[in-house]
Amino acid sequence: MSTTSEPAPPAPRPALVFDDPLDQQTSDDTDRGWGERPEGDSAADLKRFLDEKPPHHI
């Protein structure tokens, strides 16, 4: 009985797509999400503001 095993075949490589990326609609091309504020906690909004504020805006 042989103890040598063959290596697993390599994973298939993704196909190259040469489509024009400007032909596809992006999320920025729609009205969804513009100006809408999710229902949330004002304390969480303040925490996010303070966490994301650049240091020169103290």
C-alpha atoms as a PDB file:
ATOM      1  CA  MET A   1       0.000   0.000   0.000  1.00  0.00           C
ATOM      2  CA  SER A   2       1.375   3.408  -0.984  1.00  0.00           C
ATOM      3  CA  THR A   3       1.513   6.204   1.618  1.00  0.00           C
ATOM      4  CA  THR A   4       2.145   9.018  -0.855  1.00  0.00           C
ATOM      5  CA  SER A   5      -0.782  11.316  -1.389  1.00  0.00           C
ATOM      6  CA  GLU A   6      -1.311  13.622  -4.293  1.00  0.00           C
ATOM      7  CA  PRO A   7      -1.527  17.343  -3.523  1.00  0.00           C
ATOM      8  CA  ALA A   8      -4.957  18.917  -3.666  1.00  0.00           C
ATOM      9  CA  PRO A   9      -5.688  20.757  -6.897  1.00  0.00           C
ATOM     10  CA  PRO A  10      -5.300  24.548  -6.641  1.00  0.00           C
ATOM     11  CA  ALA A  11      -8.414  26.632  -6.075  1.00  0.00           C
ATOM     12  CA  PRO A  12      -9.898  28.038  -9.279  1.00  0.00           C
ATOM     13  CA  ARG A  13      -8.903  31.616  -9.985  1.00  0.00           C
ATOM     14  CA  PRO A  14     -11.675  34.210 -10.351  1.00  0.00           C
ATOM     15  CA  ALA A  15     -12.560  35.112 -13.897  1.00  0.00           C
ATOM     16  CA  LEU A  16     -11.411  38.448 -15.253  1.00  0.00           C
ATOM     17  CA  VAL A  17     -14.315  40.765 -16.085  1.00  0.00           C
ATOM     18  CA  PHE A  18     -13.708  43.497 -18.632  1.00  0.00           C
ATOM     19  CA  ASP A  19     -17.114  45.190 -18.335  1.00  0.00           C
ATOM     20  CA  ASP A  20     -17.293  48.973 -18.104  1.00  0.00           C
ATOM     21  CA  PRO A  21     -17.712  49.750 -14.379  1.00  0.00           C
ATOM     22  CA  LEU A  22     -19.465  53.024 -15.228  1.00  0.00           C
ATOM     23  CA  ASP A  23     -22.332  51.079 -16.821  1.00  0.00           C
ATOM     24  CA  GLN A  24     -23.288  49.635 -13.417  1.00  0.00           C
ATOM     25  CA  GLN A  25     -25.481  51.555 -10.977  1.00  0.00           C
ATOM     26  CA  THR A  26     -23.971  52.237  -7.567  1.00  0.00           C
ATOM     27  CA  SER A  27     -25.646  53.094  -4.276  1.00  0.00           C
ATOM     28  CA  ASP A  28     -24.679  56.737  -4.824  1.00  0.00           C
ATOM     29  CA  ASP A  29     -26.801  56.809  -7.981  1.00  0.00           C
ATOM     30  CA  THR A  30     -30.022  56.262  -6.025  1.00  0.00           C
ATOM     31  CA  ASP A  31     -31.964  58.437  -3.601  1.00  0.00           C
ATOM     32  CA  ARG A  32     -31.910  55.732  -0.938  1.00  0.00           C
ATOM     33  CA  GLY A  33     -30.001  56.764   2.162  1.00  0.00           C
ATOM     34  CA  TRP A  34     -29.590  60.467   1.369  1.00  0.00           C
ATOM     35  CA  GLY A  35     -30.537  62.569   4.393  1.00  0.00           C
ATOM     36  CA  GLU A  36     -32.326  59.786   6.200  1.00  0.00           C
ATOM     37  CA  ARG A  37     -31.446  59.415   9.858  1.00  0.00           C
ATOM     38  CA  PRO A  38     -31.965  56.043  11.471  1.00  0.00           C
ATOM     39  CA  GLU A  39     -33.867  56.011  14.705  1.00  0.00           C
ATOM     40  CA  GLY A  40     -31.270  55.990  17.393  1.00  0.00           C
ATOM     41  CA  ASP A  41     -30.087  57.011  20.755  1.00  0.00           C
ATOM     42  CA  SER A  42     -28.788  60.585  21.096  1.00  0.00           C
ATOM     43  CA  ALA A  43     -26.122  59.375  23.547  1.00  0.00           C
ATOM     44  CA  ALA A  44     -24.863  56.948  20.899  1.00  0.00           C
ATOM     45  CA  ASP A  45     -24.803  59.797  18.357  1.00  0.00           C
ATOM     46  CA  LEU A  46     -22.723  61.939  20.731  1.00  0.00           C
ATOM     47  CA  LYS A  47     -20.322  59.055  21.405  1.00  0.00           C
ATOM     48  CA  ARG A  48     -19.879  58.462  17.675  1.00  0.00           C
ATOM     49  CA  PHE A  49     -19.321  62.188  17.088  1.00  0.00           C
ATOM     50  CA  LEU A  50     -16.666  62.352  19.799  1.00  0.00           C
ATOM     51  CA  ASP A  51     -14.970  59.141  18.617  1.00  0.00           C
ATOM     52  CA  GLU A  52     -14.777  60.283  14.985  1.00  0.00           C
ATOM     53  CA  LYS A  53     -13.893  63.933  15.597  1.00  0.00           C
ATOM     54  CA  PRO A  54     -10.406  64.846  14.344  1.00  0.00           C
ATOM     55  CA  PRO A  55      -7.983  65.908  17.101  1.00  0.00           C
ATOM     56  CA  HIS A  56      -7.748  69.485  15.813  1.00  0.00           C
ATOM     57  CA  HIS A  57     -11.523  69.946  16.412  1.00  0.00           C
ATOM     58  CA  ILE A  58     -11.352  69.816  20.198  1.00  0.00           C
END
